[in-house]
Protein backbone atom coordinates (compact mmCIF):
# COMPACT_ATOMS: atom_id res chain seq x y z
CA MET A 1 18.71 -46.68 9.64
CA SER A 2 20.30 -47.44 6.30
CA ILE A 3 19.00 -46.30 2.96
CA LYS A 4 18.07 -49.84 2.03
CA SER A 5 15.93 -50.24 5.13
CA LYS A 6 14.31 -46.83 4.51
CA PHE A 7 13.30 -47.94 1.03
CA LYS A 8 11.97 -51.19 2.44
CA THR A 9 9.85 -49.40 5.00
CA PHE A 10 8.71 -46.80 2.50
CA PHE A 11 7.62 -49.32 -0.09
CA PHE A 12 6.73 -51.98 2.50
CA LEU A 13 8.90 -54.54 0.75
CA ASP A 14 9.93 -56.16 3.96
CA ASP A 15 7.14 -57.95 5.82
CA GLU A 16 8.89 -57.44 9.12
CA TYR A 17 8.84 -53.84 10.12
CA ASP A 18 11.41 -53.03 12.77
CA TYR A 19 9.71 -50.76 15.30
CA LYS A 20 12.70 -50.71 17.61
CA GLU A 21 14.82 -48.71 15.16
CA GLU A 22 12.11 -46.05 14.88
CA GLU A 23 11.81 -45.79 18.66
CA ILE A 24 15.57 -45.31 18.95
CA ILE A 25 15.51 -42.53 16.39
CA GLU A 26 12.69 -40.75 18.26
CA GLU A 27 14.60 -41.08 21.55
CA GLU A 28 17.63 -39.49 19.90
CA ARG A 29 15.56 -36.55 18.67
CA GLU A 30 14.03 -35.71 22.03
CA PRO A 31 17.25 -34.57 23.76
CA VAL A 32 17.96 -32.28 20.83
CA LYS A 33 14.59 -30.60 21.35
CA GLN A 34 15.28 -30.24 25.06
CA VAL A 35 18.66 -28.67 24.43
CA GLN A 36 17.11 -26.15 22.06
CA LYS A 37 14.52 -25.21 24.67
CA GLN A 38 17.16 -24.72 27.36
CA GLN A 39 19.16 -22.19 25.36
CA PRO A 40 18.54 -18.58 26.35
CA PRO A 41 16.35 -16.65 23.91
CA VAL A 42 18.12 -14.40 21.47
CA GLN A 43 17.46 -10.74 22.20
CA LYS A 44 15.83 -8.87 19.37
CA GLN A 45 17.41 -5.67 18.20
CA ASN A 46 15.34 -2.53 17.93
CA ILE A 47 15.27 -2.17 14.17
CA VAL A 48 12.60 -0.03 12.55
CA SER A 49 11.89 -0.06 8.84
CA LEU A 50 12.28 3.34 7.21
CA GLN A 51 8.99 2.86 5.39
CA SER A 52 7.10 2.43 8.66
CA VAL A 53 8.30 5.80 9.95
CA GLN A 54 5.71 8.40 9.12
CA LYS A 55 6.83 11.87 8.29
CA SER A 56 4.45 14.78 8.14
CA SER A 57 2.35 14.97 5.02
CA LYS A 58 1.80 18.16 3.09
CA VAL A 59 -1.20 19.35 1.15
CA VAL A 60 -0.29 21.80 -1.59
CA LEU A 61 -2.82 24.42 -2.71
CA VAL A 62 -2.40 25.47 -6.35
CA GLU A 63 -4.22 27.99 -8.49
CA PRO A 64 -2.72 27.72 -11.97
CA ARG A 65 -3.08 30.59 -14.42
CA VAL A 66 -1.66 28.82 -17.50
CA TYR A 67 -1.52 25.22 -18.72
CA ALA A 68 2.28 25.10 -18.29
CA GLU A 69 1.83 24.98 -14.51
CA ALA A 70 0.25 21.52 -14.80
CA GLN A 71 3.72 19.97 -14.82
CA ASP A 72 4.53 21.62 -11.46
CA ILE A 73 1.37 20.10 -10.03
CA ALA A 74 2.33 16.68 -11.40
CA ASP A 75 5.78 17.02 -9.79
CA GLN A 76 4.11 17.61 -6.42
CA LEU A 77 2.08 14.43 -6.92
CA LYS A 78 5.20 12.47 -7.86
CA ASN A 79 6.75 13.69 -4.59
CA ARG A 80 3.80 12.01 -2.81
CA ARG A 81 2.00 15.18 -1.77
CA ALA A 82 -1.73 15.80 -2.00
CA VAL A 83 -2.67 18.77 -4.18
CA VAL A 84 -5.82 20.90 -4.15
CA VAL A 85 -6.19 22.54 -7.56
CA ASN A 86 -8.40 25.63 -7.94
CA LEU A 87 -9.26 26.16 -11.62
CA GLN A 88 -11.64 29.08 -11.16
CA ARG A 89 -9.27 31.72 -12.55
CA ILE A 90 -8.27 29.95 -15.75
CA GLU A 91 -10.06 29.65 -19.08
CA LYS A 92 -12.41 26.69 -19.38
CA ASP A 93 -10.56 24.95 -22.24
CA GLN A 94 -7.22 25.19 -20.44
CA ALA A 95 -8.84 23.98 -17.22
CA LYS A 96 -10.08 20.87 -19.06
CA ARG A 97 -6.59 20.24 -20.44
CA ILE A 98 -5.09 20.54 -16.95
CA VAL A 99 -7.65 18.11 -15.52
CA ASP A 100 -6.90 15.64 -18.34
CA PHE A 101 -3.16 15.95 -17.72
CA LEU A 102 -3.57 15.49 -13.97
CA SER A 103 -5.90 12.54 -14.49
CA GLY A 104 -3.18 10.78 -16.48
CA THR A 105 -0.57 11.62 -13.86
CA VAL A 106 -2.74 10.39 -11.00
CA TYR A 107 -3.51 7.18 -12.90
CA ALA A 108 0.19 6.57 -13.53
CA ILE A 109 1.10 6.88 -9.84
CA GLY A 110 -1.94 4.91 -8.64
CA GLY A 111 -3.56 7.88 -6.91
CA ASP A 112 -6.97 9.49 -7.07
CA ILE A 113 -8.57 12.68 -8.33
CA GLN A 114 -11.86 14.01 -6.96
CA LYS A 115 -13.95 17.07 -7.63
CA ILE A 116 -14.51 18.77 -4.28
CA GLY A 117 -16.11 22.01 -5.43
CA THR A 118 -16.92 24.13 -8.41
CA ASP A 119 -13.74 23.93 -10.50
CA ILE A 120 -11.78 22.65 -7.48
CA PHE A 121 -10.10 19.23 -7.55
CA LEU A 122 -8.26 17.14 -4.98
CA CYS A 123 -5.42 15.07 -6.43
CA THR A 124 -3.85 12.49 -4.13
CA PRO A 125 -0.99 10.00 -4.58
CA ASP A 126 -1.29 6.36 -3.55
CA ASN A 127 -0.05 6.99 0.02
CA VAL A 128 -3.00 9.29 0.81
CA GLU A 129 -6.42 7.81 1.44
CA VAL A 130 -9.48 10.02 1.13
CA SER A 131 -12.60 8.88 2.91
CA GLY A 132 -16.06 10.31 2.57
CA ASN A 133 -17.99 11.80 -0.28
CA ILE A 134 -19.08 15.41 -0.58
CA SER A 135 -20.86 15.18 -3.91
CA GLN A 136 -24.25 15.14 -2.17
CA LEU A 137 -23.33 18.33 -0.29
CA MET A 138 -22.21 19.94 -3.55
CA LYS A 139 -25.55 19.11 -5.21
CA GLU A 140 -27.49 20.58 -2.29
CA GLN A 141 -25.36 23.72 -2.33
CA GLU A 142 -25.86 24.17 -6.09
CA LEU A 143 -29.63 23.86 -5.61
CA GLU A 144 -29.55 26.50 -2.88
CA ASN A 145 -27.51 28.86 -5.10
CA THR A 146 -29.95 28.52 -7.99
CA ARG A 147 -32.96 29.37 -5.81
CA TRP A 148 -31.73 32.88 -5.08
């Protein structure tokens, strides 16, 4: 089919539409489809993405004694490791500074920080998902401790 006839059929400029040419074109396309179906399928190679391979995850337990150790904790988070931080043996003002620093770090890497106990925090990078909530258990435990 020539370009001129294609324009005619597209814009319907020609009153006589030639159906025979279209039938011929369809007949020519069918053998091509049959040939493609008859070809043997290509074998897929066993390729595995490196990101899909899971290596063992680590959880690092840290009990900092000075504020300067906050950077070491942040380095662990940047290395995509979950960190449990126990702030019970550090002064309250330094503990607040460490939590603020870690909050910024966790936000920057798209992770999460959760309080899991009295002065104990769980910091996780974006590749670790934490499910569940223990805040209700913490409240019940605090009530039990105040009764005695």
